[in-house]
Amino acid sequence: MKLAGLLSITICAATLSYCQTWKSTGVENTGREIFYNADNITILDVGQHKNVIKVRFKEQFVNQHVSGVLYSSGYTLTLYAFDCKKKLWSINELIFYKPSGEVIRDYTYEFEWSTAPPGSPMALLSYFIRNRYSGNS
């Protein structure tokens, strides 16, 4: 009986660790709202870049080609890093999912720091993250 109770607690804890709170950024890309994972924000140093904020974003897609195949719908999870002091960003991971949650394709990238064109969705996301998590605007 103790084993069953312990197993039940373990399963519940494992399930909860995968729960994520997606909050609106207020930013849209081609008419689709972009959300961020509010429960999984990390701040770390990456080489010469100090206090880098890493955030995962979620965005729906429609009629997207992935690896030569057209998918009518799904979503992406993208892990970005933001150097708020230097106002730079880098994409670290891009995962395409079917609506069912099945992974279509996973891309991983080395840090390549870029600036965002003024008024672009990335510039707005950078501004949002800087204001929310670093206090720098």
N, C-alpha and C. Protein backbone atom coordinates (compact mmCIF):
# COMPACT_ATOMS: atom_id res chain seq x y z
N MET A 1 0.82 -1.19 0.00
CA MET A 1 0.00 0.00 0.00
C MET A 1 0.87 1.26 0.00
N LYS A 2 1.96 1.24 0.77
CA LYS A 2 2.84 2.41 0.79
C LYS A 2 3.47 2.64 -0.58
N LEU A 3 3.81 1.55 -1.25
CA LEU A 3 4.41 1.64 -2.57
C LEU A 3 3.43 2.28 -3.57
N ALA A 4 2.18 1.91 -3.50
CA ALA A 4 1.16 2.47 -4.40
C ALA A 4 1.01 3.97 -4.15
N GLY A 5 1.01 4.37 -2.89
CA GLY A 5 0.89 5.79 -2.54
C GLY A 5 2.10 6.58 -3.02
N LEU A 6 3.29 6.00 -2.83
CA LEU A 6 4.51 6.66 -3.28
C LEU A 6 4.54 6.78 -4.80
N LEU A 7 4.12 5.73 -5.49
CA LEU A 7 4.06 5.76 -6.94
C LEU A 7 3.09 6.83 -7.42
N SER A 8 1.95 6.93 -6.77
CA SER A 8 0.94 7.93 -7.12
C SER A 8 1.49 9.34 -6.95
N ILE A 9 2.20 9.59 -5.86
CA ILE A 9 2.79 10.91 -5.62
C ILE A 9 3.85 11.21 -6.66
N THR A 10 4.66 10.23 -7.00
CA THR A 10 5.71 10.41 -8.00
C THR A 10 5.12 10.76 -9.36
N ILE A 11 4.08 10.07 -9.75
CA ILE A 11 3.44 10.34 -11.04
C ILE A 11 2.84 11.74 -11.05
N CYS A 12 2.19 12.13 -9.97
CA CYS A 12 1.59 13.47 -9.90
C CYS A 12 2.67 14.54 -9.96
N ALA A 13 3.77 14.34 -9.25
CA ALA A 13 4.86 15.32 -9.25
C ALA A 13 5.47 15.42 -10.64
N ALA A 14 5.66 14.30 -11.30
CA ALA A 14 6.22 14.31 -12.66
C ALA A 14 5.29 15.04 -13.62
N THR A 15 4.00 14.81 -13.48
CA THR A 15 3.02 15.48 -14.34
C THR A 15 3.05 16.98 -14.11
N LEU A 16 3.13 17.42 -12.86
CA LEU A 16 3.15 18.84 -12.56
C LEU A 16 4.40 19.52 -13.08
N SER A 17 5.52 18.80 -13.13
CA SER A 17 6.75 19.42 -13.61
C SER A 17 6.65 19.79 -15.08
N TYR A 18 5.73 19.18 -15.82
CA TYR A 18 5.56 19.51 -17.22
C TYR A 18 4.52 20.60 -17.43
N CYS A 19 3.82 21.02 -16.40
CA CYS A 19 2.83 22.08 -16.53
C CYS A 19 3.55 23.39 -16.81
N GLN A 20 3.00 24.16 -17.69
CA GLN A 20 3.59 25.42 -18.05
C GLN A 20 2.52 26.48 -18.08
N THR A 21 2.89 27.68 -17.65
CA THR A 21 1.97 28.80 -17.68
C THR A 21 2.34 29.68 -18.85
N TRP A 22 1.49 29.70 -19.87
CA TRP A 22 1.73 30.53 -21.04
C TRP A 22 0.97 31.83 -20.87
N LYS A 23 1.71 32.95 -20.92
CA LYS A 23 1.11 34.27 -20.77
C LYS A 23 1.31 35.06 -22.05
N SER A 24 0.38 35.96 -22.30
CA SER A 24 0.43 36.78 -23.49
C SER A 24 1.58 37.80 -23.41
N THR A 25 2.25 38.01 -24.54
CA THR A 25 3.26 39.06 -24.62
C THR A 25 2.65 40.36 -25.11
N GLY A 26 1.46 40.27 -25.71
CA GLY A 26 0.87 41.44 -26.34
C GLY A 26 1.45 41.72 -27.71
N VAL A 27 2.32 40.82 -28.19
CA VAL A 27 2.98 40.97 -29.49
C VAL A 27 2.37 39.96 -30.45
N GLU A 28 2.17 40.41 -31.68
CA GLU A 28 1.65 39.52 -32.72
C GLU A 28 2.65 39.41 -33.86
N ASN A 29 2.63 38.27 -34.52
CA ASN A 29 3.43 38.05 -35.72
C ASN A 29 2.48 37.55 -36.80
N THR A 30 2.31 38.29 -37.84
CA THR A 30 1.36 38.01 -38.93
C THR A 30 -0.03 37.66 -38.39
N GLY A 31 -0.49 38.45 -37.41
CA GLY A 31 -1.84 38.30 -36.89
C GLY A 31 -2.01 37.23 -35.83
N ARG A 32 -0.94 36.52 -35.47
CA ARG A 32 -1.04 35.48 -34.45
C ARG A 32 -0.29 35.92 -33.20
N GLU A 33 -0.96 35.81 -32.07
CA GLU A 33 -0.37 36.24 -30.80
C GLU A 33 0.76 35.32 -30.36
N ILE A 34 1.77 35.92 -29.73
CA ILE A 34 2.92 35.19 -29.23
C ILE A 34 2.83 35.12 -27.70
N PHE A 35 2.99 33.92 -27.15
CA PHE A 35 2.93 33.71 -25.71
C PHE A 35 4.31 33.34 -25.19
N TYR A 36 4.55 33.55 -23.88
CA TYR A 36 5.82 33.15 -23.28
C TYR A 36 5.56 32.27 -22.07
N ASN A 37 6.53 31.41 -21.77
CA ASN A 37 6.44 30.50 -20.64
C ASN A 37 6.90 31.24 -19.39
N ALA A 38 5.96 31.69 -18.58
CA ALA A 38 6.26 32.50 -17.40
C ALA A 38 6.89 31.69 -16.27
N ASP A 39 6.80 30.37 -16.34
CA ASP A 39 7.34 29.53 -15.27
C ASP A 39 8.77 29.09 -15.52
N ASN A 40 9.34 29.44 -16.66
CA ASN A 40 10.65 28.92 -17.00
C ASN A 40 11.54 30.01 -17.60
N ILE A 41 11.74 31.08 -16.85
CA ILE A 41 12.62 32.17 -17.26
C ILE A 41 13.95 31.97 -16.53
N THR A 42 15.06 31.99 -17.27
CA THR A 42 16.36 31.86 -16.61
C THR A 42 17.22 33.07 -16.95
N ILE A 43 18.05 33.45 -16.00
CA ILE A 43 18.99 34.56 -16.19
C ILE A 43 20.38 34.01 -15.90
N LEU A 44 21.30 34.14 -16.87
CA LEU A 44 22.63 33.58 -16.74
C LEU A 44 23.63 34.39 -17.54
N ASP A 45 24.90 34.12 -17.34
CA ASP A 45 25.96 34.74 -18.12
C ASP A 45 26.35 33.79 -19.25
N VAL A 46 26.50 34.35 -20.46
CA VAL A 46 26.89 33.56 -21.62
C VAL A 46 28.12 34.24 -22.22
N GLY A 47 29.31 33.74 -21.90
CA GLY A 47 30.54 34.35 -22.38
C GLY A 47 30.63 35.79 -21.91
N GLN A 48 30.82 36.70 -22.85
CA GLN A 48 30.93 38.13 -22.50
C GLN A 48 29.57 38.78 -22.25
N HIS A 49 28.50 38.05 -22.49
CA HIS A 49 27.15 38.58 -22.30
C HIS A 49 26.69 38.26 -20.88
N LYS A 50 26.43 39.29 -20.09
CA LYS A 50 26.06 39.12 -18.68
C LYS A 50 24.55 39.30 -18.49
N ASN A 51 24.01 38.56 -17.56
CA ASN A 51 22.58 38.64 -17.22
C ASN A 51 21.68 38.43 -18.44
N VAL A 52 21.99 37.40 -19.19
CA VAL A 52 21.19 37.04 -20.36
C VAL A 52 19.90 36.37 -19.88
N ILE A 53 18.79 36.79 -20.43
CA ILE A 53 17.49 36.23 -20.06
C ILE A 53 17.08 35.24 -21.15
N LYS A 54 16.84 33.99 -20.76
CA LYS A 54 16.39 32.96 -21.70
C LYS A 54 14.91 32.70 -21.47
N VAL A 55 14.15 32.75 -22.55
CA VAL A 55 12.69 32.64 -22.49
C VAL A 55 12.21 31.77 -23.64
N ARG A 56 11.21 30.94 -23.36
CA ARG A 56 10.60 30.12 -24.41
C ARG A 56 9.27 30.75 -24.82
N PHE A 57 9.08 30.90 -26.15
CA PHE A 57 7.86 31.48 -26.70
C PHE A 57 7.08 30.43 -27.48
N LYS A 58 5.76 30.62 -27.51
CA LYS A 58 4.86 29.71 -28.23
C LYS A 58 4.05 30.52 -29.23
N GLU A 59 3.97 29.99 -30.46
CA GLU A 59 3.24 30.69 -31.51
C GLU A 59 2.56 29.66 -32.41
N GLN A 60 1.30 29.88 -32.72
CA GLN A 60 0.55 29.01 -33.63
C GLN A 60 1.01 29.28 -35.06
N PHE A 61 0.92 28.28 -35.93
CA PHE A 61 1.17 28.51 -37.34
C PHE A 61 0.08 27.86 -38.18
N VAL A 62 -0.04 28.37 -39.42
CA VAL A 62 -0.99 27.85 -40.40
C VAL A 62 -0.25 27.72 -41.72
N ASN A 63 -0.44 26.58 -42.41
CA ASN A 63 0.17 26.32 -43.72
C ASN A 63 1.68 26.61 -43.71
N GLN A 64 2.39 25.87 -42.90
CA GLN A 64 3.83 26.04 -42.73
C GLN A 64 4.58 24.86 -43.35
N HIS A 65 5.59 25.16 -44.17
CA HIS A 65 6.46 24.11 -44.70
C HIS A 65 7.55 23.81 -43.67
N VAL A 66 7.68 22.56 -43.30
CA VAL A 66 8.73 22.12 -42.37
C VAL A 66 9.40 20.91 -43.01
N SER A 67 10.68 21.02 -43.27
CA SER A 67 11.45 19.95 -43.90
C SER A 67 10.79 19.44 -45.18
N GLY A 68 10.26 20.38 -45.98
CA GLY A 68 9.69 20.02 -47.27
C GLY A 68 8.26 19.50 -47.23
N VAL A 69 7.65 19.47 -46.06
CA VAL A 69 6.26 19.00 -45.92
C VAL A 69 5.40 20.17 -45.48
N LEU A 70 4.23 20.32 -46.09
CA LEU A 70 3.29 21.38 -45.73
C LEU A 70 2.39 20.89 -44.60
N TYR A 71 2.39 21.63 -43.49
CA TYR A 71 1.50 21.32 -42.35
C TYR A 71 0.44 22.41 -42.28
N SER A 72 -0.82 21.99 -42.22
CA SER A 72 -1.92 22.95 -42.24
C SER A 72 -2.02 23.74 -40.95
N SER A 73 -1.58 23.16 -39.84
CA SER A 73 -1.62 23.88 -38.56
C SER A 73 -0.65 23.23 -37.59
N GLY A 74 -0.40 23.95 -36.53
CA GLY A 74 0.50 23.47 -35.47
C GLY A 74 1.00 24.65 -34.69
N TYR A 75 2.09 24.45 -33.98
CA TYR A 75 2.68 25.55 -33.22
C TYR A 75 4.17 25.35 -33.09
N THR A 76 4.85 26.44 -32.74
CA THR A 76 6.29 26.39 -32.51
C THR A 76 6.57 26.77 -31.07
N LEU A 77 7.60 26.17 -30.53
CA LEU A 77 8.20 26.62 -29.27
C LEU A 77 9.61 27.07 -29.63
N THR A 78 9.93 28.30 -29.28
CA THR A 78 11.23 28.87 -29.64
C THR A 78 11.90 29.38 -28.38
N LEU A 79 13.15 28.96 -28.17
CA LEU A 79 13.93 29.42 -27.03
C LEU A 79 14.84 30.55 -27.50
N TYR A 80 14.62 31.75 -26.94
CA TYR A 80 15.43 32.91 -27.27
C TYR A 80 16.25 33.31 -26.05
N ALA A 81 17.38 33.95 -26.32
CA ALA A 81 18.20 34.56 -25.28
C ALA A 81 18.27 36.06 -25.58
N PHE A 82 18.15 36.87 -24.53
CA PHE A 82 18.16 38.32 -24.68
C PHE A 82 19.27 38.91 -23.81
N ASP A 83 20.17 39.64 -24.44
CA ASP A 83 21.18 40.43 -23.72
C ASP A 83 20.58 41.82 -23.60
N CYS A 84 19.98 42.09 -22.46
CA CYS A 84 19.21 43.33 -22.30
C CYS A 84 20.11 44.56 -22.25
N LYS A 85 21.32 44.41 -21.72
CA LYS A 85 22.22 45.57 -21.64
C LYS A 85 22.66 46.01 -23.03
N LYS A 86 23.01 45.04 -23.89
CA LYS A 86 23.49 45.37 -25.23
C LYS A 86 22.35 45.40 -26.26
N LYS A 87 21.15 45.06 -25.81
CA LYS A 87 19.97 45.03 -26.67
C LYS A 87 20.15 44.11 -27.88
N LEU A 88 20.59 42.88 -27.57
CA LEU A 88 20.80 41.85 -28.59
C LEU A 88 19.95 40.64 -28.26
N TRP A 89 19.72 39.79 -29.25
CA TRP A 89 18.97 38.55 -29.04
C TRP A 89 19.61 37.43 -29.85
N SER A 90 19.31 36.20 -29.44
CA SER A 90 19.80 35.01 -30.14
C SER A 90 18.74 33.93 -30.05
N ILE A 91 18.54 33.22 -31.13
CA ILE A 91 17.65 32.06 -31.10
C ILE A 91 18.50 30.84 -30.74
N ASN A 92 18.02 30.02 -29.79
CA ASN A 92 18.77 28.84 -29.37
C ASN A 92 18.11 27.53 -29.77
N GLU A 93 16.79 27.54 -29.87
CA GLU A 93 16.08 26.31 -30.25
C GLU A 93 14.75 26.68 -30.89
N LEU A 94 14.38 25.91 -31.90
CA LEU A 94 13.09 26.08 -32.58
C LEU A 94 12.51 24.69 -32.79
N ILE A 95 11.33 24.45 -32.21
CA ILE A 95 10.68 23.15 -32.33
C ILE A 95 9.31 23.34 -32.96
N PHE A 96 9.05 22.60 -34.04
CA PHE A 96 7.75 22.61 -34.69
C PHE A 96 6.94 21.43 -34.16
N TYR A 97 5.68 21.69 -33.82
CA TYR A 97 4.78 20.66 -33.28
C TYR A 97 3.51 20.57 -34.11
N LYS A 98 2.97 19.36 -34.19
CA LYS A 98 1.61 19.18 -34.69
C LYS A 98 0.65 19.63 -33.60
N PRO A 99 -0.62 19.91 -33.93
CA PRO A 99 -1.58 20.31 -32.90
C PRO A 99 -1.70 19.28 -31.77
N SER A 100 -1.42 18.01 -32.06
CA SER A 100 -1.50 16.94 -31.05
C SER A 100 -0.36 16.99 -30.04
N GLY A 101 0.68 17.79 -30.33
CA GLY A 101 1.84 17.86 -29.46
C GLY A 101 3.01 17.02 -29.95
N GLU A 102 2.82 16.29 -31.03
CA GLU A 102 3.90 15.49 -31.60
C GLU A 102 4.93 16.40 -32.27
N VAL A 103 6.21 16.16 -32.00
CA VAL A 103 7.27 16.98 -32.59
C VAL A 103 7.40 16.67 -34.08
N ILE A 104 7.42 17.73 -34.89
CA ILE A 104 7.64 17.60 -36.32
C ILE A 104 9.14 17.69 -36.60
N ARG A 105 9.76 18.71 -36.05
CA ARG A 105 11.19 18.94 -36.30
C ARG A 105 11.75 19.83 -35.18
N ASP A 106 12.98 19.53 -34.75
CA ASP A 106 13.65 20.28 -33.69
C ASP A 106 14.98 20.81 -34.22
N TYR A 107 15.16 22.12 -34.15
CA TYR A 107 16.41 22.75 -34.58
C TYR A 107 17.09 23.36 -33.36
N THR A 108 18.40 23.16 -33.24
CA THR A 108 19.18 23.75 -32.16
C THR A 108 20.27 24.62 -32.79
N TYR A 109 20.51 25.79 -32.18
CA TYR A 109 21.45 26.75 -32.74
C TYR A 109 22.47 27.18 -31.71
N GLU A 110 23.68 27.50 -32.17
CA GLU A 110 24.69 28.14 -31.33
C GLU A 110 24.28 29.60 -31.14
N PHE A 111 24.83 30.25 -30.13
CA PHE A 111 24.54 31.67 -29.92
C PHE A 111 25.07 32.48 -31.09
N GLU A 112 24.18 33.22 -31.75
CA GLU A 112 24.52 34.21 -32.76
C GLU A 112 23.72 35.46 -32.41
N TRP A 113 24.40 36.45 -31.89
CA TRP A 113 23.72 37.64 -31.39
C TRP A 113 23.36 38.57 -32.54
N SER A 114 22.14 39.11 -32.49
CA SER A 114 21.63 40.00 -33.54
C SER A 114 20.90 41.17 -32.90
N THR A 115 20.77 42.24 -33.67
CA THR A 115 19.90 43.33 -33.27
C THR A 115 18.58 43.13 -34.00
N ALA A 116 17.52 43.68 -33.45
CA ALA A 116 16.20 43.54 -34.06
C ALA A 116 15.84 44.84 -34.80
N PRO A 117 15.32 44.72 -36.02
CA PRO A 117 14.88 45.93 -36.74
C PRO A 117 13.78 46.64 -35.94
N PRO A 118 13.86 47.96 -35.83
CA PRO A 118 12.84 48.71 -35.08
C PRO A 118 11.43 48.39 -35.58
N GLY A 119 10.52 48.17 -34.65
CA GLY A 119 9.12 47.91 -34.97
C GLY A 119 8.81 46.47 -35.34
N SER A 120 9.83 45.63 -35.46
CA SER A 120 9.61 44.22 -35.82
C SER A 120 9.07 43.46 -34.61
N PRO A 121 8.44 42.30 -34.84
CA PRO A 121 7.99 41.49 -33.70
C PRO A 121 9.14 41.17 -32.73
N MET A 122 10.36 40.92 -33.24
CA MET A 122 11.48 40.62 -32.35
C MET A 122 11.86 41.84 -31.52
N ALA A 123 11.82 43.03 -32.10
CA ALA A 123 12.11 44.26 -31.34
C ALA A 123 11.08 44.43 -30.22
N LEU A 124 9.82 44.14 -30.52
CA LEU A 124 8.77 44.26 -29.51
C LEU A 124 8.93 43.21 -28.42
N LEU A 125 9.29 41.97 -28.79
CA LEU A 125 9.54 40.93 -27.78
C LEU A 125 10.73 41.30 -26.91
N SER A 126 11.79 41.80 -27.52
CA SER A 126 12.98 42.21 -26.76
C SER A 126 12.61 43.29 -25.75
N TYR A 127 11.86 44.28 -26.21
CA TYR A 127 11.43 45.37 -25.33
C TYR A 127 10.57 44.82 -24.19
N PHE A 128 9.65 43.93 -24.52
CA PHE A 128 8.77 43.32 -23.51
C PHE A 128 9.60 42.60 -22.43
N ILE A 129 10.56 41.77 -22.86
CA ILE A 129 11.39 41.02 -21.91
C ILE A 129 12.26 41.95 -21.08
N ARG A 130 12.88 42.95 -21.72
CA ARG A 130 13.72 43.89 -20.97
C ARG A 130 12.90 44.60 -19.89
N ASN A 131 11.72 45.06 -20.25
CA ASN A 131 10.88 45.77 -19.26
C ASN A 131 10.39 44.86 -18.14
N ARG A 132 10.03 43.64 -18.50
CA ARG A 132 9.44 42.72 -17.53
C ARG A 132 10.48 42.12 -16.58
N TYR A 133 11.67 41.77 -17.11
CA TYR A 133 12.60 40.97 -16.31
C TYR A 133 13.96 41.60 -16.00
N SER A 134 14.32 42.70 -16.67
CA SER A 134 15.63 43.27 -16.35
C SER A 134 15.53 44.69 -15.82
N GLY A 135 14.40 45.34 -16.05
CA GLY A 135 14.25 46.71 -15.61
C GLY A 135 14.90 47.70 -16.57
N ASN A 136 15.51 47.19 -17.64
CA ASN A 136 16.13 48.08 -18.64
C ASN A 136 15.18 48.23 -19.82
N SER A 137 15.02 49.42 -20.32
CA SER A 137 14.17 49.62 -21.49
C SER A 137 14.90 50.28 -22.61
